[in-house]
Structures are given as structure tokens and as C-alpha cells.
């Protein structure tokens, strides 16, 4: 009896355990089934957008001058430093003017001496009739002609001899020759004066060349001399650059040559300022391709009033095309990109279908899809890494 009672108790316990275990399995299965995720959706739309040709290039200064000395001498003044902003004509370097100043004074003295001999004011033009030597010669000629006329009358009256008449006539001829010689000497002296005045101008230029000045407004990129240095004619002393505006030299591949025209707007990005866009316009399109690259050189101009863009920066440019194109667009938040692969999640009867897509232009908050989707497709607006292919979702 005791054995039977124990067996019954064990049977009852096993039955109870079996029932309990059966209930737990059902509960686990129910708990393992996930609830559908609630998501927001967006519909693939089609509309006209601007197209851009993407190319690369480098930023260059609009102007760059290697300013050289035009006179030899010792540097006595350097009023600018690297990075200094200068205006056209501002002094960059001054060379000692002691020698050139003396040469200018000598040239002025020589010119003044000839002007005094010719009776001219400083810088005056020649009037031979007012040159003192010419006036004297002319007066002598006129006196000789008057005397000759009087002797002629006396000869007719038999008052003077023929020899005296001939002598007066010779004096007239001599006076005429002296007058002509005086005029010729005045002309020669004036030519000498012109040469002297030219030497004055050369001396003045040499004097001005001791001050080396900025050829245009810009920035001092480099100063190569210091006070006390001796420079020779043609020696480079300062580099001046103009960085507003900036030139952007772009390389366009051969197959895209027909897409670029003068005046097209350009959007620029540089690694130095991530996330920022700068604007420019195409100014020059080369008439020929570079044979080494089979590419076209295009130059754009970008405003740089704040000076943030620097010569030498690498730039990525988007050249806007004149004709808009139809594109499929979805919110950029609908695209997940991992390791360079972009994907979206299309909703099909409350289930997710993963699609690999190709990205095109970015248009504000939207992005163009060039392959992988069709117009009217419904996609998850913001998957945020929660979805996988085949996931059940609930729109709402």
C-alpha cells in the first residue's frame, strides 16, 4: 500500500510538471514573435532638378607678381612684412638714392646750361629767332644789307668806287652766312638739349626706381630682402598676390567638353572647410585640350572678400548645366550608406524589402536616386538602422 501511494504521488507530480512545462513553451513562443515596427514612409516622387558636372581642380591667385629691383643698390627701407595688405603703388622696398640723386642733379645742370645758352625757359621749345646768337647775326645781316643799299645809291651818283661797293656786297654775303650758321648752331644746340633732357628723364626714372612699389593691390606673400642687403638690377625682392577674386583652374574630361560654357555657375567645396559651399562662375574655356591628359582646362572666378580661400587648395567643383532634368527623389534620411553602399527599404504589404540604390544629386533635404527605385515606390522615411530585409512593419 505504501508503494502504491508513493507511485501515485509521483504520477501526480509528473502530470503537474508536464502541464506546467507545456504552458511555459507556449508562453516562450508567444514572447519570441516581435511586434511590427512603427515607421514613417515616403513616396518616391519625380520632378525637374538642376544637373551638375563634377570636376576637380586647384585654387590660384588672380594675380601674382615677382617684383624685382630695377636699380642696383643697398636696401635702406622695408616697410612691409609677409601677409601685409598693400594697395597699388605702395612702397615695398627702398634702395639708397645717393648715387642716382647726384646723377639727376648733374643731368639737370647740363640741360639748364644749354637752355640758358639758347635763351629758353626750363622745358621750353626752340624759337630760333629768339636765340641770342641768332638775333645778333640777324642784326649784323640787316645792318650790312642797309649799308649795301646805301652804297648802291652812292655808286649810282659816282660818289663811291666800285671796289667799295663790292666790299659791302661781300659783307652782306658774309652776314647772311653768319646768320645761317647761327641758326644751324641753335638747331644743333637744341638737339643737344633734347639729349640732355632725355638724360634728365632717365635720371628721374633711376631715382624713382629706388622705391620699389606694389604693381597692384593685394597681399605680400614673401619678402626676400632686408635692410642692408645689396640688390642688383632684376633681383627678386617681394612677391605680391591678389586673392580677391580667386581663380579656379579645373580639368574637364574629354567626354564632358560640350557641357561647359562661359558664364555657367559653379559650386565649390574645399577640404579646408568641410560642409561649406563657395560660388563661382566660368570665365574661360580653353580652345584646345591638353594632349597629355585628353582633358580641357576651364577657369572659374570665385569671390574671396574674406580671404578664406587660399592659393593651392584642392577644390571639387560642380558646374551647373543649363537644361534641368527629370529625377526620382526621396528624403535623404531614407538612405543608409555603409562602406560606400547605399540602400533603402521599400514597403511591400507591411514587410520590408531591402534595395541597393545609386545616389545622384542632392536637392535640399532630398536626394536623387538614379537606379534601384521607381516612381511611386513607398520607402521607410527614416530607418535609422532598425530595419532588415523581411522585417514586419506597421505604417503610422
Protein backbone atom coordinates (compact mmCIF):
# COMPACT_ATOMS: atom_id res chain seq x y z
CA UNK A 1 0.00 0.00 0.00
CA UNK A 2 2.79 2.34 0.83
CA UNK A 3 4.44 1.66 -2.59
CA UNK A 4 1.19 2.34 -4.46
CA UNK A 5 0.65 5.61 -2.59
CA UNK A 6 4.19 6.76 -3.46
CA UNK A 7 3.73 5.80 -7.12
CA UNK A 8 0.50 7.77 -7.27
CA UNK A 9 2.12 10.78 -5.78
CA UNK A 10 4.98 10.60 -8.25
CA UNK A 11 2.48 10.26 -11.15
CA UNK A 12 0.58 13.28 -9.92
CA UNK A 13 3.78 15.32 -9.69
CA UNK A 14 4.88 14.29 -13.18
CA UNK A 15 1.49 15.20 -14.58
CA UNK A 16 1.62 18.57 -12.91
CA UNK A 17 5.16 19.18 -14.18
CA UNK A 18 4.17 18.17 -17.72
CA UNK A 19 1.23 20.56 -17.70
CA UNK A 20 3.45 23.34 -16.31
CA UNK A 21 6.15 22.74 -18.92
CA UNK A 22 3.62 22.75 -21.71
CA UNK A 23 2.33 26.11 -20.57
CA UNK A 24 5.87 27.66 -20.48
CA UNK A 25 6.67 26.61 -24.10
CA UNK A 26 3.57 28.31 -25.37
CA UNK A 27 4.48 31.45 -23.45
CA UNK A 28 8.06 31.50 -24.83
CA UNK A 29 6.83 31.09 -28.41
CA UNK A 30 4.42 33.95 -27.92
CA UNK A 31 7.18 36.14 -26.47
CA UNK A 32 9.68 35.30 -29.28
CA UNK A 33 7.47 36.77 -32.01
CA UNK A 34 8.43 40.55 -32.32
CA UNK A 35 5.89 43.27 -32.64
CA UNK A 36 5.86 45.07 -36.05
CA UNK A 37 7.93 48.28 -36.00
CA UNK A 38 6.05 51.53 -36.39
CA UNK A 39 7.67 53.59 -39.19
CA UNK A 40 7.06 56.70 -41.23
CA UNK A 41 7.07 56.33 -45.01
CA UNK A 42 7.76 58.48 -48.02
CA UNK A 43 6.77 58.11 -51.65
CA UNK A 44 9.32 58.29 -54.50
CA UNK A 45 8.49 61.44 -56.47
CA UNK A 46 9.58 62.73 -59.86
CA UNK A 47 10.39 66.37 -60.66
CA UNK A 48 12.75 68.67 -62.57
CA UNK A 49 16.13 69.39 -60.97
CA UNK A 50 19.36 71.12 -61.97
CA UNK A 51 22.15 68.90 -63.22
CA UNK A 52 25.82 69.43 -62.30
CA UNK A 53 29.07 68.30 -63.88
CA UNK A 54 31.53 67.37 -61.14
CA UNK A 55 35.21 68.06 -61.77
CA UNK A 56 38.30 68.83 -59.71
CA UNK A 57 40.97 71.49 -59.78
CA UNK A 58 43.12 73.89 -57.78
CA UNK A 59 42.77 77.43 -56.48
CA UNK A 60 45.14 80.04 -57.85
CA UNK A 61 45.74 83.70 -57.06
CA UNK A 62 44.03 86.02 -59.52
CA UNK A 63 47.36 87.80 -59.99
CA UNK A 64 50.86 87.01 -58.73
CA UNK A 65 53.89 89.19 -59.35
CA UNK A 66 57.52 88.50 -58.52
CA UNK A 67 58.50 92.15 -58.00
CA UNK A 68 62.13 92.81 -58.92
CA UNK A 69 64.56 95.68 -58.42
CA UNK A 70 65.04 98.00 -61.42
CA UNK A 71 68.11 99.61 -59.92
CA UNK A 72 71.15 98.29 -58.08
CA UNK A 73 71.98 99.48 -54.60
CA UNK A 74 71.80 99.00 -50.86
CA UNK A 75 68.39 98.35 -49.27
CA UNK A 76 67.63 101.11 -46.77
CA UNK A 77 63.92 100.52 -46.01
CA UNK A 78 61.48 97.56 -45.98
CA UNK A 79 58.11 98.87 -44.73
CA UNK A 80 56.13 95.65 -45.44
CA UNK A 81 56.11 92.17 -43.96
CA UNK A 82 54.62 88.84 -45.05
CA UNK A 83 50.85 88.94 -45.06
CA UNK A 84 50.69 92.74 -45.22
CA UNK A 85 47.86 94.12 -47.34
CA UNK A 86 49.07 96.70 -49.86
CA UNK A 87 47.47 98.99 -52.41
CA UNK A 88 48.74 99.62 -55.91
CA UNK A 89 51.71 101.99 -55.71
CA UNK A 90 52.51 101.36 -52.03
CA UNK A 91 56.22 101.26 -51.19
CA UNK A 92 57.58 97.73 -50.74
CA UNK A 93 61.36 98.28 -50.58
CA UNK A 94 63.55 101.38 -50.85
CA UNK A 95 67.09 101.37 -52.22
CA UNK A 96 69.71 104.03 -51.39
CA UNK A 97 69.27 107.01 -53.76
CA UNK A 98 72.57 108.83 -53.08
CA UNK A 99 74.17 107.98 -56.43
CA UNK A 100 71.03 108.38 -58.53
CA UNK A 101 70.29 111.72 -56.86
CA UNK A 102 73.73 113.03 -57.86
CA UNK A 103 73.22 111.81 -61.41
CA UNK A 104 69.89 113.62 -61.57
CA UNK A 105 71.44 116.88 -60.38
CA UNK A 106 74.19 116.58 -62.99
CA UNK A 107 71.68 115.94 -65.77
CA UNK A 108 69.55 118.91 -64.69
CA UNK A 109 72.61 121.16 -64.64
CA UNK A 110 73.66 120.15 -68.16
CA UNK A 111 70.17 120.72 -69.51
CA UNK A 112 69.94 124.07 -67.73
CA UNK A 113 73.24 125.20 -69.21
CA UNK A 114 72.07 124.57 -72.77
CA UNK A 115 68.70 126.19 -72.09
CA UNK A 116 70.46 129.30 -70.83
CA UNK A 117 72.65 129.43 -73.95
CA UNK A 118 69.55 129.20 -76.12
CA UNK A 119 67.60 131.63 -74.00
CA UNK A 120 64.90 129.07 -73.19
CA UNK A 121 62.83 128.60 -70.07
CA UNK A 122 63.04 125.20 -68.39
CA UNK A 123 61.25 122.77 -70.67
CA UNK A 124 60.63 125.42 -73.35
CA UNK A 125 60.62 124.74 -77.10
CA UNK A 126 63.05 126.25 -79.59
CA UNK A 127 62.28 129.51 -81.41
CA UNK A 128 65.44 130.19 -83.47
CA UNK A 129 64.57 133.84 -83.99
CA UNK A 130 64.81 134.43 -80.25
CA UNK A 131 68.17 132.74 -79.70
CA UNK A 132 70.69 135.47 -78.71
CA UNK A 133 73.40 134.40 -81.19
CA UNK A 134 70.86 134.21 -83.98
CA UNK A 135 69.47 137.63 -83.08
CA UNK A 136 72.98 139.11 -83.17
CA UNK A 137 73.72 137.52 -86.53
CA UNK A 138 70.41 138.74 -87.90
CA UNK A 139 71.09 142.28 -86.68
CA UNK A 140 74.53 142.22 -88.35
CA UNK A 141 72.97 140.99 -91.58
CA UNK A 142 70.32 143.68 -91.56
CA UNK A 143 72.97 146.39 -90.94
CA UNK A 144 75.12 145.01 -93.78
CA UNK A 145 72.10 144.97 -96.12
CA UNK A 146 71.24 148.55 -95.17
CA UNK A 147 74.81 149.69 -95.78
CA UNK A 148 74.90 147.84 -99.07
CA UNK A 149 71.71 149.57 -100.16
CA UNK A 150 73.15 152.99 -99.27
CA UNK A 151 76.44 152.25 -101.08
CA UNK A 152 74.46 151.23 -104.14
CA UNK A 153 72.81 154.64 -104.26
CA UNK A 154 76.14 156.36 -103.82
CA UNK A 155 77.64 154.27 -106.60
CA UNK A 156 74.95 155.46 -108.99
CA UNK A 157 75.87 159.02 -108.03
CA UNK A 158 79.56 158.23 -108.67
CA UNK A 159 80.34 159.13 -105.06
CA UNK A 160 81.97 155.79 -104.13
CA UNK A 161 84.14 153.45 -106.06
CA UNK A 162 83.20 150.07 -107.46
CA UNK A 163 85.61 148.32 -105.10
CA UNK A 164 83.89 149.79 -102.05
CA UNK A 165 80.56 148.64 -103.46
CA UNK A 166 81.92 145.14 -103.98
CA UNK A 167 83.29 145.14 -100.42
CA UNK A 168 79.84 145.99 -98.98
CA UNK A 169 78.28 143.27 -101.07
CA UNK A 170 80.75 140.77 -99.68
CA UNK A 171 79.88 141.92 -96.17
CA UNK A 172 76.20 141.19 -96.89
CA UNK A 173 77.02 137.71 -98.12
CA UNK A 174 79.21 137.09 -95.05
CA UNK A 175 76.45 138.37 -92.76
CA UNK A 176 73.93 136.09 -94.45
CA UNK A 177 76.26 133.12 -93.99
CA UNK A 178 76.84 134.00 -90.33
CA UNK A 179 73.10 134.27 -89.77
CA UNK A 180 72.54 130.83 -91.30
CA UNK A 181 75.39 129.36 -89.27
CA UNK A 182 73.89 130.86 -86.09
CA UNK A 183 70.55 129.24 -86.88
CA UNK A 184 72.23 125.90 -87.56
CA UNK A 185 74.19 126.13 -84.31
CA UNK A 186 70.95 126.91 -82.47
CA UNK A 187 69.30 123.84 -84.01
CA UNK A 188 72.28 121.66 -83.03
CA UNK A 189 72.28 123.09 -79.52
CA UNK A 190 68.58 122.33 -79.25
CA UNK A 191 69.20 118.72 -80.29
CA UNK A 192 71.86 118.56 -77.58
CA UNK A 193 69.28 119.99 -75.19
CA UNK A 194 66.82 117.24 -76.14
CA UNK A 195 69.51 114.65 -75.38
CA UNK A 196 70.22 116.37 -72.07
CA UNK A 197 66.53 116.41 -71.22
CA UNK A 198 66.33 112.69 -72.07
CA UNK A 199 69.20 112.09 -69.64
CA UNK A 200 67.25 114.05 -67.04
CA UNK A 201 64.26 111.77 -67.55
CA UNK A 202 66.47 108.69 -67.28
CA UNK A 203 67.96 110.07 -64.08
CA UNK A 204 64.48 110.76 -62.71
CA UNK A 205 63.40 107.22 -63.57
CA UNK A 206 66.50 105.83 -61.89
CA UNK A 207 65.62 107.97 -58.88
CA UNK A 208 62.04 106.66 -58.88
CA UNK A 209 63.29 103.08 -59.31
CA UNK A 210 64.97 103.26 -55.91
CA UNK A 211 61.46 102.94 -54.49
CA UNK A 212 60.07 99.51 -55.41
CA UNK A 213 56.26 99.69 -55.35
CA UNK A 214 53.30 97.31 -55.48
CA UNK A 215 52.11 96.70 -59.07
CA UNK A 216 48.54 96.07 -57.87
CA UNK A 217 46.52 95.84 -54.67
CA UNK A 218 46.91 92.55 -52.83
CA UNK A 219 48.90 90.73 -50.15
CA UNK A 220 52.63 90.39 -49.61
CA UNK A 221 53.28 86.66 -49.91
CA UNK A 222 57.05 86.86 -49.42
CA UNK A 223 59.77 89.45 -48.77
CA UNK A 224 63.23 88.29 -49.83
CA UNK A 225 65.48 91.17 -48.75
CA UNK A 226 66.25 93.05 -45.55
CA UNK A 227 67.79 96.42 -44.70
CA UNK A 228 71.49 96.33 -45.54
CA UNK A 229 71.22 93.80 -48.38
CA UNK A 230 72.74 94.79 -51.71
CA UNK A 231 70.49 94.05 -54.66
CA UNK A 232 71.31 94.04 -58.35
CA UNK A 233 69.09 95.09 -61.20
CA UNK A 234 66.49 92.37 -61.82
CA UNK A 235 66.87 90.73 -58.39
CA UNK A 236 63.55 89.46 -56.98
CA UNK A 237 62.69 91.27 -53.74
CA UNK A 238 58.96 90.79 -52.98
CA UNK A 239 56.12 88.50 -54.09
CA UNK A 240 52.69 90.15 -54.25
CA UNK A 241 49.47 88.20 -54.85
CA UNK A 242 45.87 89.25 -55.42
CA UNK A 243 43.49 86.75 -53.85
CA UNK A 244 40.17 88.51 -54.38
CA UNK A 245 38.82 87.18 -56.58
CA UNK A 246 40.39 83.73 -56.77
CA UNK A 247 40.96 81.77 -59.97
CA UNK A 248 39.89 78.13 -60.01
CA UNK A 249 41.64 76.02 -62.63
CA UNK A 250 39.51 72.96 -63.39
CA UNK A 251 40.13 69.87 -65.50
CA UNK A 252 37.16 68.67 -67.57
CA UNK A 253 37.38 65.20 -69.17
CA UNK A 254 37.12 64.96 -72.94
CA UNK A 255 33.65 63.38 -72.97
CA UNK A 256 32.21 66.31 -70.99
CA UNK A 257 33.69 69.16 -73.05
CA UNK A 258 30.35 70.03 -74.67
CA UNK A 259 28.75 70.59 -71.23
CA UNK A 260 30.88 73.59 -70.26
CA UNK A 261 30.26 77.17 -71.40
CA UNK A 262 31.50 80.60 -70.29
CA UNK A 263 29.21 82.13 -67.66
CA UNK A 264 27.92 78.88 -66.12
CA UNK A 265 27.57 78.98 -62.31
CA UNK A 266 29.89 76.76 -60.29
CA UNK A 267 29.66 75.44 -56.73
CA UNK A 268 32.99 74.81 -54.99
CA UNK A 269 33.92 72.74 -51.97
CA UNK A 270 37.37 72.50 -50.37
CA UNK A 271 38.63 70.12 -47.74
CA UNK A 272 39.73 73.03 -45.55
CA UNK A 273 36.07 73.98 -44.93
CA UNK A 274 34.02 70.76 -44.83
CA UNK A 275 30.31 71.21 -45.37
CA UNK A 276 30.68 74.72 -46.85
CA UNK A 277 29.97 75.70 -50.45
CA UNK A 278 31.53 78.62 -52.34
CA UNK A 279 30.16 80.11 -55.54
CA UNK A 280 31.99 80.92 -58.78
CA UNK A 281 31.38 81.43 -62.49
CA UNK A 282 33.15 80.02 -65.53
CA UNK A 283 35.30 82.80 -67.08
CA UNK A 284 37.47 80.94 -69.56
CA UNK A 285 37.23 77.72 -71.55
CA UNK A 286 40.43 76.65 -73.28
CA UNK A 287 40.11 76.33 -77.08
CA UNK A 288 42.26 73.19 -77.05
CA UNK A 289 42.59 70.01 -74.98
CA UNK A 290 45.70 69.04 -73.09
CA UNK A 291 47.16 66.16 -75.06
CA UNK A 292 48.84 64.59 -72.03
CA UNK A 293 45.50 64.19 -70.20
CA UNK A 294 42.94 64.38 -73.02
CA UNK A 295 41.20 66.99 -70.89
CA UNK A 296 40.04 70.57 -71.18
CA UNK A 297 41.27 73.38 -68.93
CA UNK A 298 38.47 75.56 -67.58
CA UNK A 299 38.92 78.62 -65.38
CA UNK A 300 36.30 79.93 -62.97
CA UNK A 301 36.33 83.06 -60.80
CA UNK A 302 35.26 82.95 -57.15
CA UNK A 303 34.74 85.89 -54.82
CA UNK A 304 37.07 85.85 -51.81
CA UNK A 305 36.36 89.06 -49.92
CA UNK A 306 37.01 87.42 -46.54
CA UNK A 307 40.29 85.87 -47.72
CA UNK A 308 39.42 82.38 -46.50
CA UNK A 309 40.25 80.70 -49.80
CA UNK A 310 43.99 80.21 -50.26
CA UNK A 311 46.04 79.63 -53.42
CA UNK A 312 46.96 75.97 -53.79
CA UNK A 313 43.87 74.48 -52.14
CA UNK A 314 42.38 71.45 -53.90
CA UNK A 315 38.79 72.09 -54.99
CA UNK A 316 35.86 69.97 -56.09
CA UNK A 317 33.57 71.87 -58.44
CA UNK A 318 30.00 71.28 -59.60
CA UNK A 319 29.28 73.11 -62.86
CA UNK A 320 25.55 73.72 -63.27
CA UNK A 321 24.10 72.55 -66.59
CA UNK A 322 21.79 74.91 -68.49
CA UNK A 323 18.98 72.36 -69.02
CA UNK A 324 17.12 70.84 -66.00
CA UNK A 325 16.41 67.09 -65.98
CA UNK A 326 13.71 64.84 -64.52
CA UNK A 327 14.81 62.92 -61.43
CA UNK A 328 13.41 60.49 -58.83
CA UNK A 329 13.70 61.94 -55.33
CA UNK A 330 13.34 60.66 -51.79
CA UNK A 331 14.30 62.20 -48.42
CA UNK A 332 18.00 61.86 -47.72
CA UNK A 333 17.10 60.34 -44.33
CA UNK A 334 15.64 57.32 -46.16
CA UNK A 335 19.08 56.28 -47.42
CA UNK A 336 21.52 54.28 -45.34
CA UNK A 337 25.11 54.19 -46.61
CA UNK A 338 27.56 51.66 -45.19
CA UNK A 339 31.06 51.13 -46.63
CA UNK A 340 30.13 53.06 -49.75
CA UNK A 341 26.97 51.04 -50.45
CA UNK A 342 23.65 52.87 -50.29
CA UNK A 343 20.39 51.09 -49.53
CA UNK A 344 16.76 51.93 -48.89
CA UNK A 345 13.84 49.86 -47.52
CA UNK A 346 10.78 49.53 -49.73
CA UNK A 347 7.47 48.70 -48.01
CA UNK A 348 5.61 45.74 -49.56
CA UNK A 349 2.40 44.66 -47.75
CA UNK A 350 3.72 45.56 -44.31
CA UNK A 351 7.08 43.93 -44.94
CA UNK A 352 10.44 45.47 -45.76
CA UNK A 353 12.32 44.79 -48.98
CA UNK A 354 15.93 45.97 -48.99
CA UNK A 355 17.09 47.70 -52.19
CA UNK A 356 20.61 48.71 -53.22
CA UNK A 357 20.42 52.14 -54.89
CA UNK A 358 22.67 54.62 -56.68
CA UNK A 359 22.74 58.21 -55.44
CA UNK A 360 22.70 61.25 -57.74
CA UNK A 361 22.24 64.95 -57.00
CA UNK A 362 21.36 66.34 -53.58
CA UNK A 363 18.42 68.73 -53.75
CA UNK A 364 17.87 70.40 -50.38
CA UNK A 365 16.59 67.77 -47.93
CA UNK A 366 16.07 65.25 -50.76
CA UNK A 367 18.42 63.09 -52.76
CA UNK A 368 18.19 61.79 -56.31
CA UNK A 369 18.02 58.04 -56.92
CA UNK A 370 19.41 57.10 -60.32
CA UNK A 371 18.84 53.33 -60.01
CA UNK A 372 17.10 50.87 -57.69
CA UNK A 373 13.71 52.57 -57.28
CA UNK A 374 10.72 53.54 -59.38
CA UNK A 375 8.26 56.38 -59.24
CA UNK A 376 5.53 55.73 -56.64
CA UNK A 377 7.55 53.25 -54.57
CA UNK A 378 6.97 53.60 -50.82
CA UNK A 379 10.11 53.65 -48.68
CA UNK A 380 10.88 53.92 -44.99
CA UNK A 381 11.49 57.61 -44.37
CA UNK A 382 13.99 57.15 -41.53
CA UNK A 383 15.12 53.53 -40.94
CA UNK A 384 17.88 54.56 -38.51
CA UNK A 385 19.48 51.10 -38.64
CA UNK A 386 16.40 49.33 -37.23
CA UNK A 387 15.27 47.51 -40.39
CA UNK A 388 16.48 44.45 -42.23
CA UNK A 389 15.25 42.67 -45.32
CA UNK A 390 11.92 40.96 -44.49
CA UNK A 391 11.20 42.93 -41.31
CA UNK A 392 7.49 43.39 -40.49
CA UNK A 393 6.46 46.99 -40.06
CA UNK A 394 3.44 48.99 -39.21
CA UNK A 395 2.90 52.27 -41.03
CA UNK A 396 1.85 55.03 -38.72
